Protein backbone atom coordinates (compact mmCIF):
# COMPACT_ATOMS: atom_id res chain seq x y z
CA MET A 1 -20.50 7.18 -8.48
CA SER A 2 -21.63 6.36 -4.99
CA ALA A 3 -25.35 6.02 -4.36
CA SER A 4 -24.85 7.82 -1.05
CA ALA A 5 -23.33 10.97 -2.58
CA PRO A 6 -25.54 14.06 -2.49
CA HIS A 7 -27.33 14.78 -5.76
CA LEU A 8 -29.26 17.78 -6.98
CA LEU A 9 -32.70 17.56 -8.52
CA LEU A 10 -33.98 20.72 -10.13
CA PRO A 11 -37.38 21.80 -8.77
CA GLU A 12 -39.16 20.91 -12.02
CA HIS A 13 -37.61 17.42 -11.98
CA ALA A 14 -38.41 16.88 -8.30
CA SER A 15 -41.99 17.97 -8.95
CA HIS A 16 -42.31 15.59 -11.91
CA LEU A 17 -41.08 12.59 -9.94
CA ALA A 18 -43.23 13.46 -6.93
CA ARG A 19 -46.32 12.93 -9.13
CA PHE A 20 -45.50 9.22 -9.09
CA CYS A 21 -45.21 9.06 -5.31
CA ILE A 22 -41.45 8.42 -5.34
CA PRO A 23 -40.07 9.83 -2.06
CA PRO A 24 -36.90 11.98 -2.05
CA ASP A 25 -34.96 9.49 0.08
CA LEU A 26 -35.48 6.74 -2.50
CA LEU A 27 -34.39 9.05 -5.31
CA GLU A 28 -31.29 9.90 -3.29
CA GLU A 29 -30.54 6.23 -2.62
CA ALA A 30 -30.92 5.45 -6.32
CA GLY A 31 -28.58 8.28 -7.32
CA VAL A 32 -31.20 10.09 -9.42
CA HIS A 33 -30.29 13.68 -10.26
CA SER A 34 -30.55 16.43 -12.82
CA VAL A 35 -27.94 16.92 -15.54
CA ASN A 36 -27.41 19.59 -18.15
CA ASP A 37 -26.42 18.83 -21.73
CA THR A 38 -22.68 18.84 -21.03
CA GLU A 39 -23.00 16.65 -17.94
CA ALA A 40 -25.24 14.16 -19.76
CA ARG A 41 -22.74 13.82 -22.60
CA GLU A 42 -19.81 13.39 -20.21
CA MET A 43 -21.57 10.80 -18.05
CA LEU A 44 -23.00 8.78 -20.95
CA GLY A 45 -20.00 9.17 -23.22
CA LEU A 46 -22.11 10.64 -26.03
CA HIS A 47 -20.59 12.79 -28.76
CA GLY A 48 -23.33 12.60 -31.39
CA TYR A 49 -26.80 14.12 -31.40
CA GLN A 50 -25.38 17.44 -32.52
CA GLY A 51 -27.87 20.23 -31.98
CA ALA A 52 -29.90 18.21 -29.48
CA ASP A 53 -30.24 19.24 -25.84
CA LEU A 54 -29.59 16.18 -23.65
CA SER A 55 -30.51 17.87 -20.36
CA GLY A 56 -32.82 15.91 -18.12
CA ILE A 57 -33.06 13.44 -15.26
CA LEU A 58 -30.19 10.97 -14.94
CA PHE A 59 -30.97 7.48 -13.69
CA CYS A 60 -27.75 5.82 -12.57
CA TYR A 61 -27.45 2.11 -13.17
CA LEU A 62 -25.93 0.74 -9.96
CA SER A 63 -24.66 -2.79 -9.45
CA PRO A 64 -27.01 -4.53 -6.99
CA GLY A 65 -24.01 -6.19 -5.38
CA THR A 66 -21.48 -3.36 -5.06
CA ARG A 67 -23.62 -0.24 -5.72
CA ALA A 68 -20.95 0.89 -8.18
CA ARG A 69 -22.16 2.84 -11.21
CA VAL A 70 -22.26 0.58 -14.28
CA GLY A 71 -24.31 2.70 -16.68
CA GLY A 72 -26.91 5.38 -16.98
CA SER A 73 -29.94 6.71 -18.79
CA VAL A 74 -31.35 10.24 -19.12
CA ARG A 75 -35.03 11.11 -19.35
CA LEU A 76 -34.76 14.08 -21.66
CA ASP A 77 -36.41 17.42 -20.97
CA ASN A 78 -36.69 17.90 -24.74
CA PRO A 79 -37.43 14.76 -26.79
CA LEU A 80 -35.18 13.98 -29.74
CA PRO A 81 -36.35 14.74 -33.29
CA ASP A 82 -37.48 11.12 -33.64
CA GLY A 83 -39.62 11.49 -30.51
CA GLY A 84 -37.29 9.56 -28.20
CA LYS A 85 -37.67 10.58 -24.55
CA TYR A 86 -34.76 8.56 -23.13
CA ILE A 87 -31.14 8.18 -24.13
CA SER A 88 -28.81 5.56 -22.66
CA GLU A 89 -25.11 5.01 -22.27
CA PRO A 90 -23.91 3.24 -25.44
CA GLY A 91 -22.89 -0.39 -25.06
CA CYS A 92 -24.22 -0.72 -21.51
CA GLY A 93 -25.03 -4.38 -20.91
CA HIS A 94 -26.71 -3.80 -17.57
CA LEU A 95 -30.27 -3.43 -16.34
CA PHE A 96 -31.64 -0.88 -13.89
CA PHE A 97 -32.09 -2.36 -10.42
CA ALA A 98 -34.16 -0.31 -8.02
CA PRO A 99 -32.32 -0.31 -4.64
CA LEU A 100 -32.43 -3.66 -2.85
CA PRO A 101 -30.50 -5.66 -0.25
CA LYS A 102 -28.03 -7.78 -2.23
CA GLU A 103 -29.00 -10.92 -0.30
CA TRP A 104 -32.40 -10.77 -2.01
CA LEU A 105 -30.72 -11.81 -5.26
CA THR A 106 -30.52 -15.38 -3.96
CA ALA A 107 -33.70 -15.29 -1.84
CA ARG A 108 -36.12 -17.08 -4.17
CA SER A 109 -39.13 -16.32 -1.99
CA ILE A 110 -38.96 -12.63 -3.00
CA PRO A 111 -40.73 -11.92 -6.31
CA VAL A 112 -39.04 -10.10 -9.17
CA VAL A 113 -40.99 -7.55 -11.20
CA PHE A 114 -39.83 -6.31 -14.60
CA VAL A 115 -41.02 -2.96 -15.97
CA GLU A 116 -39.88 -0.95 -18.96
CA SER A 117 -38.68 2.38 -17.55
CA GLU A 118 -36.43 3.37 -14.67
CA LYS A 119 -39.03 5.82 -13.39
CA ALA A 120 -41.61 3.05 -13.31
CA ALA A 121 -39.20 0.83 -11.37
CA LEU A 122 -38.73 3.43 -8.64
CA ALA A 123 -42.47 4.20 -8.49
CA LEU A 124 -43.24 0.50 -8.12
CA LEU A 125 -40.60 0.02 -5.41
CA ALA A 126 -42.01 3.02 -3.51
CA PHE A 127 -45.47 1.45 -3.80
CA ALA A 128 -44.13 -1.88 -2.52
CA LYS A 129 -42.66 -0.18 0.52
CA ARG A 130 -45.97 1.50 1.27
CA ALA A 131 -47.74 -1.84 0.88
CA HIS A 132 -45.14 -3.61 3.07
CA ARG A 133 -44.25 -6.01 0.27
CA ASP A 134 -40.76 -7.19 -0.61
CA LEU A 135 -40.09 -6.91 -4.34
CA ILE A 136 -37.04 -6.83 -6.56
CA VAL A 137 -37.91 -4.31 -9.26
CA ILE A 138 -35.91 -4.14 -12.48
CA ALA A 139 -36.27 -1.78 -15.44
CA LEU A 140 -35.40 -3.04 -18.90
CA GLY A 141 -34.96 0.33 -20.59
CA GLY A 142 -37.58 -0.52 -23.22
CA CYS A 143 -39.41 -3.69 -24.17
CA TRP A 144 -36.35 -5.25 -25.82
CA GLY A 145 -33.90 -3.73 -23.34
CA TRP A 146 -33.31 -7.09 -21.67
CA ARG A 147 -31.26 -8.07 -24.72
CA ARG A 148 -27.96 -6.24 -24.62
CA GLN A 149 -24.68 -6.32 -26.50
CA THR A 150 -22.73 -9.24 -25.07
CA GLY A 151 -19.68 -9.10 -27.33
CA LYS A 152 -18.63 -9.05 -30.97
CA ARG A 153 -18.94 -11.78 -33.57
CA PRO A 154 -16.17 -12.11 -36.21
CA LEU A 155 -17.24 -11.87 -39.84
CA PRO A 156 -15.70 -13.79 -42.77
CA ASN A 157 -14.17 -10.58 -44.17
CA GLY A 158 -12.22 -10.00 -40.95
CA ASP A 159 -14.56 -7.37 -39.57
CA SER A 160 -16.85 -7.92 -36.61
CA GLU A 161 -20.42 -7.06 -35.65
CA PRO A 162 -22.15 -6.66 -32.29
CA GLU A 163 -23.54 -9.83 -30.78
CA THR A 164 -26.58 -9.56 -28.54
CA GLY A 165 -28.10 -11.79 -25.90
CA PRO A 166 -29.76 -11.66 -22.50
CA SER A 167 -28.17 -9.12 -20.20
CA PRO A 168 -25.48 -10.75 -18.03
CA ASP A 169 -27.35 -9.27 -15.05
CA PHE A 170 -29.80 -12.18 -15.33
CA ASP A 171 -27.02 -14.35 -13.96
CA LEU A 172 -27.00 -12.36 -10.69
CA ILE A 173 -30.39 -13.74 -9.66
CA SER A 174 -31.41 -17.23 -8.51
CA TRP A 175 -34.49 -17.93 -10.66
CA ALA A 176 -35.57 -21.49 -9.91
CA GLY A 177 -39.13 -21.39 -8.59
CA ARG A 178 -39.11 -17.60 -8.12
CA THR A 179 -42.32 -15.73 -8.92
CA THR A 180 -41.51 -13.25 -11.67
CA ILE A 181 -44.03 -10.70 -12.94
CA LEU A 182 -43.77 -8.84 -16.24
CA ILE A 183 -45.54 -5.46 -16.24
CA PHE A 184 -44.99 -3.87 -19.64
CA ASP A 185 -46.56 -0.57 -20.65
CA SER A 186 -50.22 -0.48 -21.65
CA ASN A 187 -49.44 -0.55 -25.38
CA ALA A 188 -48.56 -4.24 -24.96
CA SER A 189 -52.28 -4.87 -25.54
CA THR A 190 -52.21 -3.27 -29.00
CA ASN A 191 -48.62 -3.44 -30.24
CA PRO A 192 -47.56 -6.88 -31.55
CA LYS A 193 -43.87 -5.94 -31.40
CA VAL A 194 -44.15 -5.23 -27.67
CA ARG A 195 -46.04 -8.48 -27.11
CA LYS A 196 -43.33 -10.35 -29.02
CA ALA A 197 -40.65 -8.84 -26.75
CA ARG A 198 -42.65 -9.73 -23.65
CA ARG A 199 -43.22 -13.29 -24.83
CA ALA A 200 -39.52 -13.74 -25.58
CA LEU A 201 -38.58 -12.44 -22.13
CA ALA A 202 -41.12 -14.76 -20.50
CA GLN A 203 -39.59 -17.70 -22.37
CA GLU A 204 -36.06 -16.72 -21.35
CA LEU A 205 -37.02 -16.48 -17.68
CA ALA A 206 -39.06 -19.70 -17.74
CA HIS A 207 -36.04 -21.45 -19.25
CA ARG A 208 -34.08 -20.29 -16.21
CA GLY A 209 -36.71 -21.82 -13.91
CA ALA A 210 -38.79 -18.77 -12.99
CA ASN A 211 -42.54 -18.95 -12.46
CA VAL A 212 -43.55 -16.20 -14.90
CA LEU A 213 -46.77 -14.19 -14.66
CA ILE A 214 -48.05 -11.39 -16.89
CA ALA A 215 -49.72 -8.32 -15.39
CA ASP A 216 -51.40 -5.87 -17.76
CA VAL A 217 -51.51 -2.11 -17.24
CA PRO A 218 -55.12 -1.13 -17.98
CA ALA A 219 -55.86 1.14 -20.92
CA ILE A 220 -56.88 4.21 -18.94
CA GLU A 221 -56.58 7.70 -20.39
CA GLY A 222 -53.22 9.16 -19.40
CA VAL A 223 -51.82 5.81 -18.22
CA ASN A 224 -48.88 4.25 -20.02
CA GLY A 225 -46.73 2.46 -17.45
CA PRO A 226 -47.26 1.33 -13.86
CA ASP A 227 -45.86 4.65 -12.63
CA ALA A 228 -48.71 6.55 -14.29
CA LEU A 229 -51.20 3.95 -13.02
CA ILE A 230 -50.09 4.72 -9.46
CA ALA A 231 -50.23 8.47 -10.08
CA ILE A 232 -53.71 8.45 -11.64
CA SER A 233 -55.51 5.47 -10.10
CA GLY A 234 -53.63 5.00 -6.81
CA ASP A 235 -52.05 2.12 -4.93
CA GLU A 236 -55.18 -0.04 -4.97
CA ALA A 237 -55.09 -0.27 -8.76
CA MET A 238 -51.43 -1.27 -8.66
CA LEU A 239 -52.09 -3.82 -5.95
CA SER A 240 -54.85 -5.35 -8.04
CA GLY A 241 -52.48 -5.67 -10.99
CA LEU A 242 -49.76 -7.33 -8.94
CA ASN A 243 -52.24 -9.85 -7.55
CA THR A 244 -53.11 -11.05 -11.05
């Protein structure tokens, strides 16, 4: 899918995303659009979840080098029975890159910011544009989303099992000396599993030579990720967090 192709956002989806100060032209550039249940299943290759409605907002995962579609994730209009609000293309090893010039991948002076959700990535990029700051913003798709299936490991009985490791997309970026900021959702302050994921990511990036910083999303009512922080507390609050 081309990022320049016209996409349709239903009014309720456009209204939802506008709350986070994401402009329509950025949504268009990122290939964000509405999908019904059938479209979501076709695009993500999903045949399970019988009885569930997978309609929602599709976030296309686009290669930062070629802008070719390499995966996708849907923010569901109706959460799954287990409470899940997002569903992703099975086996996708890629991360969500908010739109960027591909030459930034090797420009170590430009900071990288990791967030959990695709919506948060676009909200943060829109904020950066308003603040006249250059940032590479990447969504993990959850706190452990930076670890993806990298292949299959043979078992002694002749079968195989999935093997996981850091997403191969890490190899697209020159890390040595680059400022890299991790902004996980606010529950990182109370959930040890999220803190463990964040610490492991920080160690992985430091091993690659990045200068890793942690920015906390404050525990404000109604605020989960940096997108909600921007919506509720404004750009100044986000700027303060980035300057940690």
